[in-house]
Amino acid sequence: MLRISTVTTQAGTLIKVEGKLAGPLVLELERTWHDVGSGDSAASIIADLCGVTFIDGKGKGVLRRMCDEGVSFRSCGPDITATIDEIKQCSESASKHVRRVPA
């Protein structure tokens, strides 16, 4: 089971995720993220993962794309926090290896 809710303020949007981020339900998070992100691009987005109990490979992929696009994460518990730290490191490492070609 996966539950996703959003709270939008002037400062930005909080996407609260609860349950198992796995399988076909991952698409629901991706759709919510795109819906939220289609508004004001200057507003920040925070994904609150404190209620997440499990993340599979598909979930990690969506979180990595979210990280690449500047989404911040809030996590609780050692397993989910370690997964988010791994995603952030991969994202930072990938951005360092992007080769800029002059115009």
PDB file of N, CA and C in Angstrom:
ATOM      1  N   MET A   1       0.838  -1.174   0.000  1.00  0.00           N
ATOM      2  CA  MET A   1       0.000   0.000   0.000  1.00  0.00           C
ATOM      3  C   MET A   1       0.883   1.237   0.000  1.00  0.00           C
ATOM      4  N   LEU A   2       0.454   2.249  -0.746  1.00  0.00           N
ATOM      5  CA  LEU A   2       1.180   3.502  -0.832  1.00  0.00           C
ATOM      6  C   LEU A   2       0.191   4.646  -0.702  1.00  0.00           C
ATOM      7  N   ARG A   3       0.547   5.605   0.124  1.00  0.00           N
ATOM      8  CA  ARG A   3      -0.298   6.786   0.299  1.00  0.00           C
ATOM      9  C   ARG A   3       0.556   8.017  -0.001  1.00  0.00           C
ATOM     10  N   ILE A   4       0.047   8.892  -0.857  1.00  0.00           N
ATOM     11  CA  ILE A   4       0.760  10.113  -1.221  1.00  0.00           C
ATOM     12  C   ILE A   4      -0.181  11.288  -1.016  1.00  0.00           C
ATOM     13  N   SER A   5       0.300  12.297  -0.304  1.00  0.00           N
ATOM     14  CA  SER A   5      -0.477  13.520  -0.122  1.00  0.00           C
ATOM     15  C   SER A   5       0.434  14.716  -0.356  1.00  0.00           C
ATOM     16  N   THR A   6      -0.164  15.842  -0.691  1.00  0.00           N
ATOM     17  CA  THR A   6       0.628  17.048  -0.934  1.00  0.00           C
ATOM     18  C   THR A   6       0.070  18.212  -0.129  1.00  0.00           C
ATOM     19  N   VAL A   7       0.976  19.091   0.261  1.00  0.00           N
ATOM     20  CA  VAL A   7       0.622  20.341   0.930  1.00  0.00           C
ATOM     21  C   VAL A   7       1.406  21.431   0.228  1.00  0.00           C
ATOM     22  N   THR A   8       0.700  22.426  -0.291  1.00  0.00           N
ATOM     23  CA  THR A   8       1.358  23.512  -1.012  1.00  0.00           C
ATOM     24  C   THR A   8       1.213  24.817  -0.235  1.00  0.00           C
ATOM     25  N   THR A   9       2.332  25.516  -0.078  1.00  0.00           N
ATOM     26  CA  THR A   9       2.354  26.826   0.561  1.00  0.00           C
ATOM     27  C   THR A   9       3.094  27.787  -0.360  1.00  0.00           C
ATOM     28  N   GLN A  10       3.242  29.016   0.064  1.00  0.00           N
ATOM     29  CA  GLN A  10       4.000  29.988  -0.733  1.00  0.00           C
ATOM     30  C   GLN A  10       5.461  29.579  -0.847  1.00  0.00           C
ATOM     31  N   ALA A  11       5.967  28.892   0.160  1.00  0.00           N
ATOM     32  CA  ALA A  11       7.378  28.485   0.171  1.00  0.00           C
ATOM     33  C   ALA A  11       7.663  27.302  -0.739  1.00  0.00           C
ATOM     34  N   GLY A  12       6.636  26.513  -1.053  1.00  0.00           N
ATOM     35  CA  GLY A  12       6.851  25.350  -1.894  1.00  0.00           C
ATOM     36  C   GLY A  12       5.827  24.275  -1.620  1.00  0.00           C
ATOM     37  N   THR A  13       6.161  23.054  -2.033  1.00  0.00           N
ATOM     38  CA  THR A  13       5.240  21.931  -1.900  1.00  0.00           C
ATOM     39  C   THR A  13       5.913  20.776  -1.177  1.00  0.00           C
ATOM     40  N   LEU A  14       5.159  20.179  -0.260  1.00  0.00           N
ATOM     41  CA  LEU A  14       5.598  18.990   0.444  1.00  0.00           C
ATOM     42  C   LEU A  14       4.830  17.803  -0.133  1.00  0.00           C
ATOM     43  N   ILE A  15       5.573  16.804  -0.592  1.00  0.00           N
ATOM     44  CA  ILE A  15       4.965  15.548  -1.045  1.00  0.00           C
ATOM     45  C   ILE A  15       5.234  14.527   0.048  1.00  0.00           C
ATOM     46  N   LYS A  16       4.184  14.115   0.744  1.00  0.00           N
ATOM     47  CA  LYS A  16       4.330  13.150   1.832  1.00  0.00           C
ATOM     48  C   LYS A  16       4.018  11.752   1.310  1.00  0.00           C
ATOM     49  N   VAL A  17       4.980  10.851   1.474  1.00  0.00           N
ATOM     50  CA  VAL A  17       4.860   9.486   0.959  1.00  0.00           C
ATOM     51  C   VAL A  17       4.868   8.526   2.151  1.00  0.00           C
ATOM     52  N   GLU A  18       3.901   7.595   2.146  1.00  0.00           N
ATOM     53  CA  GLU A  18       3.806   6.619   3.234  1.00  0.00           C
ATOM     54  C   GLU A  18       3.579   5.222   2.660  1.00  0.00           C
ATOM     55  N   GLY A  19       4.248   4.235   3.234  1.00  0.00           N
ATOM     56  CA  GLY A  19       4.068   2.854   2.802  1.00  0.00           C
ATOM     57  C   GLY A  19       5.247   2.352   1.983  1.00  0.00           C
ATOM     58  N   LYS A  20       4.959   1.369   1.126  1.00  0.00           N
ATOM     59  CA  LYS A  20       5.999   0.756   0.294  1.00  0.00           C
ATOM     60  C   LYS A  20       6.058   1.453  -1.062  1.00  0.00           C
ATOM     61  N   LEU A  21       7.227   2.007  -1.376  1.00  0.00           N
ATOM     62  CA  LEU A  21       7.450   2.664  -2.668  1.00  0.00           C
ATOM     63  C   LEU A  21       8.021   1.597  -3.599  1.00  0.00           C
ATOM     64  N   ALA A  22       7.110   0.840  -4.225  1.00  0.00           N
ATOM     65  CA  ALA A  22       7.536  -0.324  -4.996  1.00  0.00           C
ATOM     66  C   ALA A  22       6.544  -0.647  -6.102  1.00  0.00           C
ATOM     67  N   GLY A  23       7.077  -1.322  -7.132  1.00  0.00           N
ATOM     68  CA  GLY A  23       6.233  -1.826  -8.209  1.00  0.00           C
ATOM     69  C   GLY A  23       5.481  -0.744  -8.960  1.00  0.00           C
ATOM     70  N   PRO A  24       4.295  -1.081  -9.426  1.00  0.00           N
ATOM     71  CA  PRO A  24       3.529  -0.140 -10.244  1.00  0.00           C
ATOM     72  C   PRO A  24       3.073   1.109  -9.477  1.00  0.00           C
ATOM     73  N   LEU A  25       3.067   1.039  -8.143  1.00  0.00           N
ATOM     74  CA  LEU A  25       2.652   2.195  -7.353  1.00  0.00           C
ATOM     75  C   LEU A  25       3.654   3.350  -7.450  1.00  0.00           C
ATOM     76  N   VAL A  26       4.876   3.047  -7.853  1.00  0.00           N
ATOM     77  CA  VAL A  26       5.903   4.085  -8.019  1.00  0.00           C
ATOM     78  C   VAL A  26       5.438   5.130  -9.035  1.00  0.00           C
ATOM     79  N   LEU A  27       4.678   4.685 -10.034  1.00  0.00           N
ATOM     80  CA  LEU A  27       4.174   5.616 -11.052  1.00  0.00           C
ATOM     81  C   LEU A  27       3.293   6.701 -10.445  1.00  0.00           C
ATOM     82  N   GLU A  28       2.618   6.389  -9.358  1.00  0.00           N
ATOM     83  CA  GLU A  28       1.770   7.372  -8.681  1.00  0.00           C
ATOM     84  C   GLU A  28       2.615   8.508  -8.108  1.00  0.00           C
ATOM     85  N   LEU A  29       3.765   8.179  -7.515  1.00  0.00           N
ATOM     86  CA  LEU A  29       4.665   9.219  -7.012  1.00  0.00           C
ATOM     87  C   LEU A  29       5.191  10.059  -8.168  1.00  0.00           C
ATOM     88  N   GLU A  30       5.575   9.409  -9.246  1.00  0.00           N
ATOM     89  CA  GLU A  30       6.107  10.143 -10.392  1.00  0.00           C
ATOM     90  C   GLU A  30       5.050  11.096 -10.962  1.00  0.00           C
ATOM     91  N   ARG A  31       3.819  10.626 -11.058  1.00  0.00           N
ATOM     92  CA  ARG A  31       2.743  11.477 -11.570  1.00  0.00           C
ATOM     93  C   ARG A  31       2.481  12.666 -10.631  1.00  0.00           C
ATOM     94  N   THR A  32       2.467  12.398  -9.334  1.00  0.00           N
ATOM     95  CA  THR A  32       2.273  13.476  -8.357  1.00  0.00           C
ATOM     96  C   THR A  32       3.388  14.494  -8.455  1.00  0.00           C
ATOM     97  N   TRP A  33       4.617  14.022  -8.557  1.00  0.00           N
ATOM     98  CA  TRP A  33       5.778  14.919  -8.671  1.00  0.00           C
ATOM     99  C   TRP A  33       5.665  15.794  -9.919  1.00  0.00           C
ATOM    100  N   HIS A  34       5.306  15.198 -11.044  1.00  0.00           N
ATOM    101  CA  HIS A  34       5.176  15.982 -12.274  1.00  0.00           C
ATOM    102  C   HIS A  34       4.025  16.980 -12.182  1.00  0.00           C
ATOM    103  N   ASP A  35       2.926  16.575 -11.560  1.00  0.00           N
ATOM    104  CA  ASP A  35       1.794  17.490 -11.383  1.00  0.00           C
ATOM    105  C   ASP A  35       2.183  18.684 -10.523  1.00  0.00           C
ATOM    106  N   VAL A  36       2.896  18.424  -9.443  1.00  0.00           N
ATOM    107  CA  VAL A  36       3.339  19.485  -8.537  1.00  0.00           C
ATOM    108  C   VAL A  36       4.364  20.379  -9.228  1.00  0.00           C
ATOM    109  N   GLY A  37       5.289  19.766  -9.954  1.00  0.00           N
ATOM    110  CA  GLY A  37       6.360  20.502 -10.609  1.00  0.00           C
ATOM    111  C   GLY A  37       5.923  21.295 -11.813  1.00  0.00           C
ATOM    112  N   SER A  38       4.720  21.034 -12.328  1.00  0.00           N
ATOM    113  CA  SER A  38       4.270  21.749 -13.519  1.00  0.00           C
ATOM    114  C   SER A  38       3.806  23.160 -13.204  1.00  0.00           C
ATOM    115  N   GLY A  39       3.707  23.488 -11.919  1.00  0.00           N
ATOM    116  CA  GLY A  39       3.296  24.826 -11.514  1.00  0.00           C
ATOM    117  C   GLY A  39       4.480  25.773 -11.511  1.00  0.00           C
ATOM    118  N   ASP A  40       4.654  26.486 -10.415  1.00  0.00           N
ATOM    119  CA  ASP A  40       5.709  27.480 -10.258  1.00  0.00           C
ATOM    120  C   ASP A  40       7.062  26.794 -10.101  1.00  0.00           C
ATOM    121  N   SER A  41       7.917  26.933 -11.088  1.00  0.00           N
ATOM    122  CA  SER A  41       9.217  26.264 -11.044  1.00  0.00           C
ATOM    123  C   SER A  41      10.153  26.863 -10.003  1.00  0.00           C
ATOM    124  N   ALA A  42       9.858  28.079  -9.523  1.00  0.00           N
ATOM    125  CA  ALA A  42      10.711  28.708  -8.529  1.00  0.00           C
ATOM    126  C   ALA A  42      10.441  28.154  -7.126  1.00  0.00           C
ATOM    127  N   ALA A  43       9.277  27.546  -6.943  1.00  0.00           N
ATOM    128  CA  ALA A  43       8.942  26.998  -5.638  1.00  0.00           C
ATOM    129  C   ALA A  43       9.693  25.696  -5.406  1.00  0.00           C
ATOM    130  N   SER A  44      10.062  25.460  -4.155  1.00  0.00           N
ATOM    131  CA  SER A  44      10.802  24.239  -3.846  1.00  0.00           C
ATOM    132  C   SER A  44       9.839  23.075  -3.603  1.00  0.00           C
ATOM    133  N   ILE A  45      10.364  21.884  -3.824  1.00  0.00           N
ATOM    134  CA  ILE A  45       9.605  20.665  -3.575  1.00  0.00           C
ATOM    135  C   ILE A  45      10.401  19.829  -2.578  1.00  0.00           C
ATOM    136  N   ILE A  46       9.714  19.363  -1.528  1.00  0.00           N
ATOM    137  CA  ILE A  46      10.318  18.482  -0.536  1.00  0.00           C
ATOM    138  C   ILE A  46       9.520  17.198  -0.521  1.00  0.00           C
ATOM    139  N   ALA A  47      10.204  16.081  -0.645  1.00  0.00           N
ATOM    140  CA  ALA A  47       9.568  14.771  -0.539  1.00  0.00           C
ATOM    141  C   ALA A  47       9.821  14.247   0.867  1.00  0.00           C
ATOM    142  N   ASP A  48       8.760  14.104   1.638  1.00  0.00           N
ATOM    143  CA  ASP A  48       8.846  13.595   3.003  1.00  0.00           C
ATOM    144  C   ASP A  48       8.670  12.078   2.951  1.00  0.00           C
ATOM    145  N   LEU A  49       9.745  11.358   3.213  1.00  0.00           N
ATOM    146  CA  LEU A  49       9.743   9.896   3.127  1.00  0.00           C
ATOM    147  C   LEU A  49       9.755   9.235   4.501  1.00  0.00           C
ATOM    148  N   CYS A  50       9.421   9.989   5.542  1.00  0.00           N
ATOM    149  CA  CYS A  50       9.472   9.444   6.899  1.00  0.00           C
ATOM    150  C   CYS A  50       8.502   8.281   7.097  1.00  0.00           C
ATOM    151  N   GLY A  51       7.443   8.232   6.312  1.00  0.00           N
ATOM    152  CA  GLY A  51       6.491   7.142   6.436  1.00  0.00           C
ATOM    153  C   GLY A  51       6.742   5.981   5.496  1.00  0.00           C
ATOM    154  N   VAL A  52       7.838   6.036   4.745  1.00  0.00           N
ATOM    155  CA  VAL A  52       8.153   4.966   3.788  1.00  0.00           C
ATOM    156  C   VAL A  52       8.833   3.812   4.512  1.00  0.00           C
ATOM    157  N   THR A  53       8.376   2.597   4.217  1.00  0.00           N
ATOM    158  CA  THR A  53       8.922   1.404   4.871  1.00  0.00           C
ATOM    159  C   THR A  53       9.816   0.572   3.960  1.00  0.00           C
ATOM    160  N   PHE A  54       9.720   0.792   2.629  1.00  0.00           N
ATOM    161  CA  PHE A  54      10.512   0.002   1.679  1.00  0.00           C
ATOM    162  C   PHE A  54      10.589   0.757   0.357  1.00  0.00           C
ATOM    163  N   ILE A  55      11.746   0.678  -0.307  1.00  0.00           N
ATOM    164  CA  ILE A  55      11.935   1.274  -1.634  1.00  0.00           C
ATOM    165  C   ILE A  55      12.580   0.229  -2.528  1.00  0.00           C
ATOM    166  N   ASP A  56      11.919  -0.102  -3.655  1.00  0.00           N
ATOM    167  CA  ASP A  56      12.510  -1.061  -4.597  1.00  0.00           C
ATOM    168  C   ASP A  56      13.307  -0.304  -5.663  1.00  0.00           C
ATOM    169  N   GLY A  57      13.801  -1.020  -6.647  1.00  0.00           N
ATOM    170  CA  GLY A  57      14.623  -0.413  -7.705  1.00  0.00           C
ATOM    171  C   GLY A  57      13.891   0.661  -8.485  1.00  0.00           C
ATOM    172  N   LYS A  58      12.621   0.433  -8.813  1.00  0.00           N
ATOM    173  CA  LYS A  58      11.843   1.443  -9.535  1.00  0.00           C
ATOM    174  C   LYS A  58      11.676   2.697  -8.691  1.00  0.00           C
ATOM    175  N   GLY A  59      11.444   2.495  -7.400  1.00  0.00           N
ATOM    176  CA  GLY A  59      11.307   3.631  -6.492  1.00  0.00           C
ATOM    177  C   GLY A  59      12.588   4.440  -6.419  1.00  0.00           C
ATOM    178  N   LYS A  60      13.716   3.735  -6.339  1.00  0.00           N
ATOM    179  CA  LYS A  60      15.015   4.421  -6.310  1.00  0.00           C
ATOM    180  C   LYS A  60      15.229   5.216  -7.593  1.00  0.00           C
ATOM    181  N   GLY A  61      14.799   4.661  -8.722  1.00  0.00           N
ATOM    182  CA  GLY A  61      14.954   5.367  -9.997  1.00  0.00           C
ATOM    183  C   GLY A  61      14.179   6.676 -10.029  1.00  0.00           C
ATOM    184  N   VAL A  62      12.945   6.646  -9.556  1.00  0.00           N
ATOM    185  CA  VAL A  62      12.142   7.879  -9.525  1.00  0.00           C
ATOM    186  C   VAL A  62      12.750   8.881  -8.551  1.00  0.00           C
ATOM    187  N   LEU A  63      13.185   8.410  -7.385  1.00  0.00           N
ATOM    188  CA  LEU A  63      13.802   9.310  -6.411  1.00  0.00           C
ATOM    189  C   LEU A  63      15.090   9.916  -6.963  1.00  0.00           C
ATOM    190  N   ARG A  64      15.850   9.144  -7.727  1.00  0.00           N
ATOM    191  CA  ARG A  64      17.086   9.666  -8.324  1.00  0.00           C
ATOM    192  C   ARG A  64      16.759  10.779  -9.332  1.00  0.00           C
ATOM    193  N   ARG A  65      15.723  10.561 -10.151  1.00  0.00           N
ATOM    194  CA  ARG A  65      15.317  11.604 -11.112  1.00  0.00           C
ATOM    195  C   ARG A  65      14.818  12.852 -10.375  1.00  0.00           C
ATOM    196  N   MET A  66      14.092  12.638  -9.289  1.00  0.00           N
ATOM    197  CA  MET A  66      13.614  13.767  -8.499  1.00  0.00           C
ATOM    198  C   MET A  66      14.801  14.546  -7.925  1.00  0.00           C
ATOM    199  N   CYS A  67      15.785  13.817  -7.423  1.00  0.00           N
ATOM    200  CA  CYS A  67      16.993  14.437  -6.871  1.00  0.00           C
ATOM    201  C   CYS A  67      17.721  15.230  -7.951  1.00  0.00           C
ATOM    202  N   ASP A  68      17.834  14.652  -9.138  1.00  0.00           N
ATOM    203  CA  ASP A  68      18.493  15.328 -10.253  1.00  0.00           C
ATOM    204  C   ASP A  68      17.799  16.642 -10.617  1.00  0.00           C
ATOM    205  N   GLU A  69      16.495  16.706 -10.368  1.00  0.00           N
ATOM    206  CA  GLU A  69      15.719  17.908 -10.690  1.00  0.00           C
ATOM    207  C   GLU A  69      15.616  18.871  -9.513  1.00  0.00           C
ATOM    208  N   GLY A  70      16.328  18.598  -8.427  1.00  0.00           N
ATOM    209  CA  GLY A  70      16.397  19.550  -7.319  1.00  0.00           C
ATOM    210  C   GLY A  70      15.423  19.330  -6.178  1.00  0.00           C
ATOM    211  N   VAL A  71      14.718  18.215  -6.173  1.00  0.00           N
ATOM    212  CA  VAL A  71      13.815  17.913  -5.064  1.00  0.00           C
ATOM    213  C   VAL A  71      14.659  17.599  -3.826  1.00  0.00           C
ATOM    214  N   SER A  72      14.236  18.127  -2.673  1.00  0.00           N
ATOM    215  CA  SER A  72      14.886  17.822  -1.401  1.00  0.00           C
ATOM    216  C   SER A  72      14.130  16.688  -0.730  1.00  0.00           C
ATOM    217  N   PHE A  73      14.830  15.967   0.144  1.00  0.00           N
ATOM    218  CA  PHE A  73      14.221  14.827   0.811  1.00  0.00           C
ATOM    219  C   PHE A  73      14.298  14.962   2.318  1.00  0.00           C
ATOM    220  N   ARG A  74      13.256  14.462   2.974  1.00  0.00           N
ATOM    221  CA  ARG A  74      13.232  14.316   4.430  1.00  0.00           C
ATOM    222  C   ARG A  74      13.020  12.827   4.680  1.00  0.00           C
ATOM    223  N   SER A  75      13.894  12.231   5.476  1.00  0.00           N
ATOM    224  CA  SER A  75      13.755  10.794   5.740  1.00  0.00           C
ATOM    225  C   SER A  75      13.976  10.514   7.216  1.00  0.00           C
ATOM    226  N   CYS A  76      13.420   9.413   7.672  1.00  0.00           N
ATOM    227  CA  CYS A  76      13.563   8.953   9.050  1.00  0.00           C
ATOM    228  C   CYS A  76      13.940   7.477   9.008  1.00  0.00           C
ATOM    229  N   GLY A  77      14.670   7.044   9.983  1.00  0.00           N
ATOM    230  CA  GLY A  77      15.047   5.631  10.038  1.00  0.00           C
ATOM    231  C   GLY A  77      16.306   5.366   9.251  1.00  0.00           C
ATOM    232  N   PRO A  78      17.104   4.434   9.709  1.00  0.00           N
ATOM    233  CA  PRO A  78      18.411   4.194   9.098  1.00  0.00           C
ATOM    234  C   PRO A  78      18.363   3.646   7.671  1.00  0.00           C
ATOM    235  N   ASP A  79      17.421   2.766   7.371  1.00  0.00           N
ATOM    236  CA  ASP A  79      17.392   2.151   6.040  1.00  0.00           C
ATOM    237  C   ASP A  79      17.013   3.156   4.954  1.00  0.00           C
ATOM    238  N   ILE A  80      15.945   3.889   5.174  1.00  0.00           N
ATOM    239  CA  ILE A  80      15.491   4.852   4.165  1.00  0.00           C
ATOM    240  C   ILE A  80      16.489   5.998   4.057  1.00  0.00           C
ATOM    241  N   THR A  81      17.036   6.445   5.189  1.00  0.00           N
ATOM    242  CA  THR A  81      18.034   7.521   5.156  1.00  0.00           C
ATOM    243  C   THR A  81      19.274   7.076   4.386  1.00  0.00           C
ATOM    244  N   ALA A  82      19.714   5.847   4.574  1.00  0.00           N
ATOM    245  CA  ALA A  82      20.873   5.328   3.836  1.00  0.00           C
ATOM    246  C   ALA A  82      20.572   5.265   2.338  1.00  0.00           C
ATOM    247  N   THR A  83      19.364   4.878   1.980  1.00  0.00           N
ATOM    248  CA  THR A  83      18.976   4.826   0.565  1.00  0.00           C
ATOM    249  C   THR A  83      18.991   6.223  -0.038  1.00  0.00           C
ATOM    250  N   ILE A  84      18.461   7.204   0.672  1.00  0.00           N
ATOM    251  CA  ILE A  84      18.437   8.590   0.169  1.00  0.00           C
ATOM    252  C   ILE A  84      19.859   9.123   0.058  1.00  0.00           C
ATOM    253  N   ASP A  85      20.707   8.831   1.036  1.00  0.00           N
ATOM    254  CA  ASP A  85      22.113   9.268   0.959  1.00  0.00           C
ATOM    255  C   ASP A  85      22.789   8.673  -0.274  1.00  0.00           C
ATOM    256  N   GLU A  86      22.525   7.409  -0.554  1.00  0.00           N
ATOM    257  CA  GLU A  86      23.091   6.743  -1.736  1.00  0.00           C
ATOM    258  C   GLU A  86      22.605   7.425  -3.021  1.00  0.00           C
ATOM    259  N   ILE A  87      21.332   7.747  -3.074  1.00  0.00           N
ATOM    260  CA  ILE A  87      20.759   8.415  -4.248  1.00  0.00           C
ATOM    261  C   ILE A  87      21.392   9.788  -4.443  1.00  0.00           C
ATOM    262  N   LYS A  88      21.553  10.526  -3.364  1.00  0.00           N
ATOM    263  CA  LYS A  88      22.162  11.858  -3.451  1.00  0.00           C
ATOM    264  C   LYS A  88      23.601  11.765  -3.945  1.00  0.00           C
ATOM    265  N   GLN A  89      24.350  10.782  -3.449  1.00  0.00           N
ATOM    266  CA  GLN A  89      25.737  10.615  -3.877  1.00  0.00           C
ATOM    267  C   GLN A  89      25.818  10.258  -5.352  1.00  0.00           C
ATOM    268  N   CYS A  90      24.954   9.360  -5.802  1.00  0.00           N
ATOM    269  CA  CYS A  90      24.942   8.978  -7.219  1.00  0.00           C
ATOM    270  C   CYS A  90      24.590  10.183  -8.085  1.00  0.00           C
ATOM    271  N   SER A  91      23.639  10.971  -7.624  1.00  0.00           N
ATOM    272  CA  SER A  91      23.213  12.139  -8.380  1.00  0.00           C
ATOM    273  C   SER A  91      24.344  13.166  -8.473  1.00  0.00           C
ATOM    274  N   GLU A  92      25.019  13.407  -7.340  1.00  0.00           N
ATOM    275  CA  GLU A  92      26.140  14.351  -7.331  1.00  0.00           C
ATOM    276  C   GLU A  92      27.275  13.853  -8.207  1.00  0.00           C
ATOM    277  N   SER A  93      27.569  12.574  -8.129  1.00  0.00           N
ATOM    278  CA  SER A  93      28.637  11.987  -8.923  1.00  0.00           C
ATOM    279  C   SER A  93      28.328  12.095 -10.411  1.00  0.00           C
ATOM    280  N   ALA A  94      27.086  11.829 -10.774  1.00  0.00           N
ATOM    281  CA  ALA A  94      26.691  11.905 -12.187  1.00  0.00           C
ATOM    282  C   ALA A  94      26.795  13.329 -12.709  1.00  0.00           C
ATOM    283  N   SER A  95      26.413  14.306 -11.880  1.00  0.00           N
ATOM    284  CA  SER A  95      26.457  15.694 -12.352  1.00  0.00           C
ATOM    285  C   SER A  95      27.894  16.180 -12.505  1.00  0.00           C
ATOM    286  N   LYS A  96      28.834  15.620 -11.749  1.00  0.00           N
ATOM    287  CA  LYS A  96      30.244  15.983 -11.886  1.00  0.00           C
ATOM    288  C   LYS A  96      30.828  15.434 -13.181  1.00  0.00           C
ATOM    289  N   HIS A  97      30.251  14.349 -13.685  1.00  0.00           N
ATOM    290  CA  HIS A  97      30.778  13.723 -14.891  1.00  0.00           C
ATOM    291  C   HIS A  97      30.071  14.171 -16.159  1.00  0.00           C
ATOM    292  N   VAL A  98      29.162  15.123 -16.019  1.00  0.00           N
ATOM    293  CA  VAL A  98      28.495  15.650 -17.215  1.00  0.00           C
ATOM    294  C   VAL A  98      29.485  16.546 -17.937  1.00  0.00           C
ATOM    295  N   ARG A  99      29.688  16.259 -19.172  1.00  0.00           N
ATOM    296  CA  ARG A  99      30.646  17.016 -19.955  1.00  0.00           C
ATOM    297  C   ARG A  99      29.962  18.185 -20.630  1.00  0.00           C
ATOM    298  N   ARG A 100      30.425  19.377 -20.362  1.00  0.00           N
ATOM    299  CA  ARG A 100      29.865  20.590 -20.953  1.00  0.00           C
ATOM    300  C   ARG A 100      30.574  20.878 -22.280  1.00  0.00           C
ATOM    301  N   VAL A 101      29.793  21.033 -23.306  1.00  0.00           N
ATOM    302  CA  VAL A 101      30.349  21.320 -24.623  1.00  0.00           C
ATOM    303  C   VAL A 101      30.078  22.781 -24.937  1.00  0.00           C
ATOM    304  N   PRO A 102      31.126  23.560 -25.226  1.00  0.00           N
ATOM    305  CA  PRO A 102      30.900  24.975 -25.548  1.00  0.00           C
ATOM    306  C   PRO A 102      30.086  25.136 -26.828  1.00  0.00           C
ATOM    307  N   ALA A 103      29.302  26.178 -26.833  1.00  0.00           N
ATOM    308  CA  ALA A 103      28.436  26.437 -28.016  1.00  0.00           C
ATOM    309  C   ALA A 103      29.219  27.029 -29.159  1.00  0.00           C
TER     310      ALA A 103
END
